[in-house]
C-alpha atoms as a PDB file:
ATOM      1  CA  UNK A   1      84.335  79.490  83.193  1.00  0.00           C
ATOM      2  CA  UNK A   2      86.981  80.972  81.019  1.00  0.00           C
ATOM      3  CA  UNK A   3      90.100  82.507  82.151  1.00  0.00           C
ATOM      4  CA  UNK A   4      88.949  86.091  81.787  1.00  0.00           C
ATOM      5  CA  UNK A   5      85.804  85.905  83.995  1.00  0.00           C
ATOM      6  CA  UNK A   6      88.034  84.001  86.444  1.00  0.00           C
ATOM      7  CA  UNK A   7      90.112  86.834  86.898  1.00  0.00           C
ATOM      8  CA  UNK A   8      87.488  89.281  86.895  1.00  0.00           C
ATOM      9  CA  UNK A   9      86.039  87.826  89.891  1.00  0.00           C
ATOM     10  CA  UNK A  10      89.176  87.600  91.268  1.00  0.00           C
ATOM     11  CA  UNK A  11      89.802  90.840  90.956  1.00  0.00           C
ATOM     12  CA  UNK A  12      86.272  91.876  92.734  1.00  0.00           C
ATOM     13  CA  UNK A  13      87.011  89.136  95.789  1.00  0.00           C
ATOM     14  CA  UNK A  14      90.051  91.408  96.683  1.00  0.00           C
ATOM     15  CA  UNK A  15      88.259  94.775  96.322  1.00  0.00           C
ATOM     16  CA  UNK A  16      85.237  93.151  98.919  1.00  0.00           C
ATOM     17  CA  UNK A  17      88.128  92.604 100.523  1.00  0.00           C
ATOM     18  CA  UNK A  18      90.175  95.432 100.722  1.00  0.00           C
ATOM     19  CA  UNK A  19      86.682  97.068 101.462  1.00  0.00           C
ATOM     20  CA  UNK A  20      85.824  95.181 104.414  1.00  0.00           C
ATOM     21  CA  UNK A  21      88.346  96.760 107.101  1.00  0.00           C
ATOM     22  CA  UNK A  22      87.842 100.588 106.135  1.00  0.00           C
ATOM     23  CA  UNK A  23      83.595  99.815 106.962  1.00  0.00           C
ATOM     24  CA  UNK A  24      84.072  97.906 109.973  1.00  0.00           C
ATOM     25  CA  UNK A  25      87.156  99.720 111.708  1.00  0.00           C
ATOM     26  CA  UNK A  26      87.823 103.008 110.033  1.00  0.00           C
ATOM     27  CA  UNK A  27      89.791 104.267 113.363  1.00  0.00           C
ATOM     28  CA  UNK A  28      92.526 101.105 112.728  1.00  0.00           C
ATOM     29  CA  UNK A  29      92.563 101.508 109.150  1.00  0.00           C
ATOM     30  CA  UNK A  30      93.578 105.033 109.569  1.00  0.00           C
ATOM     31  CA  UNK A  31      96.396 104.432 112.452  1.00  0.00           C
ATOM     32  CA  UNK A  32      97.499 101.025 109.592  1.00  0.00           C
ATOM     33  CA  UNK A  33      98.140 103.935 106.311  1.00  0.00           C
ATOM     34  CA  UNK A  34      99.746 106.592 109.236  1.00  0.00           C
ATOM     35  CA  UNK A  35     101.863 103.540 109.650  1.00  0.00           C
ATOM     36  CA  UNK A  36     102.810 102.499 107.074  1.00  0.00           C
ATOM     37  CA  UNK A  37     103.263 105.913 105.417  1.00  0.00           C
ATOM     38  CA  UNK A  38     106.523 106.193 108.378  1.00  0.00           C
ATOM     39  CA  UNK A  39     108.405 103.008 106.583  1.00  0.00           C
ATOM     40  CA  UNK A  40     111.018 103.446 104.400  1.00  0.00           C
ATOM     41  CA  UNK A  41     110.543 102.293 100.405  1.00  0.00           C
ATOM     42  CA  UNK A  42     112.974  99.274 101.089  1.00  0.00           C
ATOM     43  CA  UNK A  43     110.562  98.236 104.161  1.00  0.00           C
ATOM     44  CA  UNK A  44     107.560  98.498 101.744  1.00  0.00           C
ATOM     45  CA  UNK A  45     108.950  96.688  98.709  1.00  0.00           C
ATOM     46  CA  UNK A  46     109.801  93.959 100.844  1.00  0.00           C
ATOM     47  CA  UNK A  47     105.972  93.439 102.578  1.00  0.00           C
ATOM     48  CA  UNK A  48     104.776  93.736  98.741  1.00  0.00           C
ATOM     49  CA  UNK A  49     107.194  90.824  97.834  1.00  0.00           C
ATOM     50  CA  UNK A  50     106.185  88.708 100.640  1.00  0.00           C
ATOM     51  CA  UNK A  51     102.415  89.602  99.924  1.00  0.00           C
ATOM     52  CA  UNK A  52     102.992  88.318  96.364  1.00  0.00           C
ATOM     53  CA  UNK A  53     105.378  85.338  97.265  1.00  0.00           C
ATOM     54  CA  UNK A  54     101.971  84.723  99.369  1.00  0.00           C
ATOM     55  CA  UNK A  55      99.591  84.840  96.672  1.00  0.00           C
ATOM     56  CA  UNK A  56     101.807  82.680  94.092  1.00  0.00           C
ATOM     57  CA  UNK A  57     102.103  79.731  96.669  1.00  0.00           C
ATOM     58  CA  UNK A  58      98.527  79.915  97.236  1.00  0.00           C
ATOM     59  CA  UNK A  59      97.837  80.040  93.965  1.00  0.00           C
ATOM     60  CA  UNK A  60     100.104  77.014  93.594  1.00  0.00           C
ATOM     61  CA  UNK A  61      98.758  74.915  96.655  1.00  0.00           C
ATOM     62  CA  UNK A  62      95.031  75.517  94.799  1.00  0.00           C
END
């Protein structure tokens, strides 16, 4: 398996995981987004930074 194929599979898995919540719990998904809209830019950036850090650590452990 080459690098591009692995990247494509990872992106496909992200799409599958991202689609689970609106499929299974659309009301809670909509509520989550209304709560996200109330956050300040700095808070959203910090959440993004935490997600990136968690992803990098996960990749390093695998």
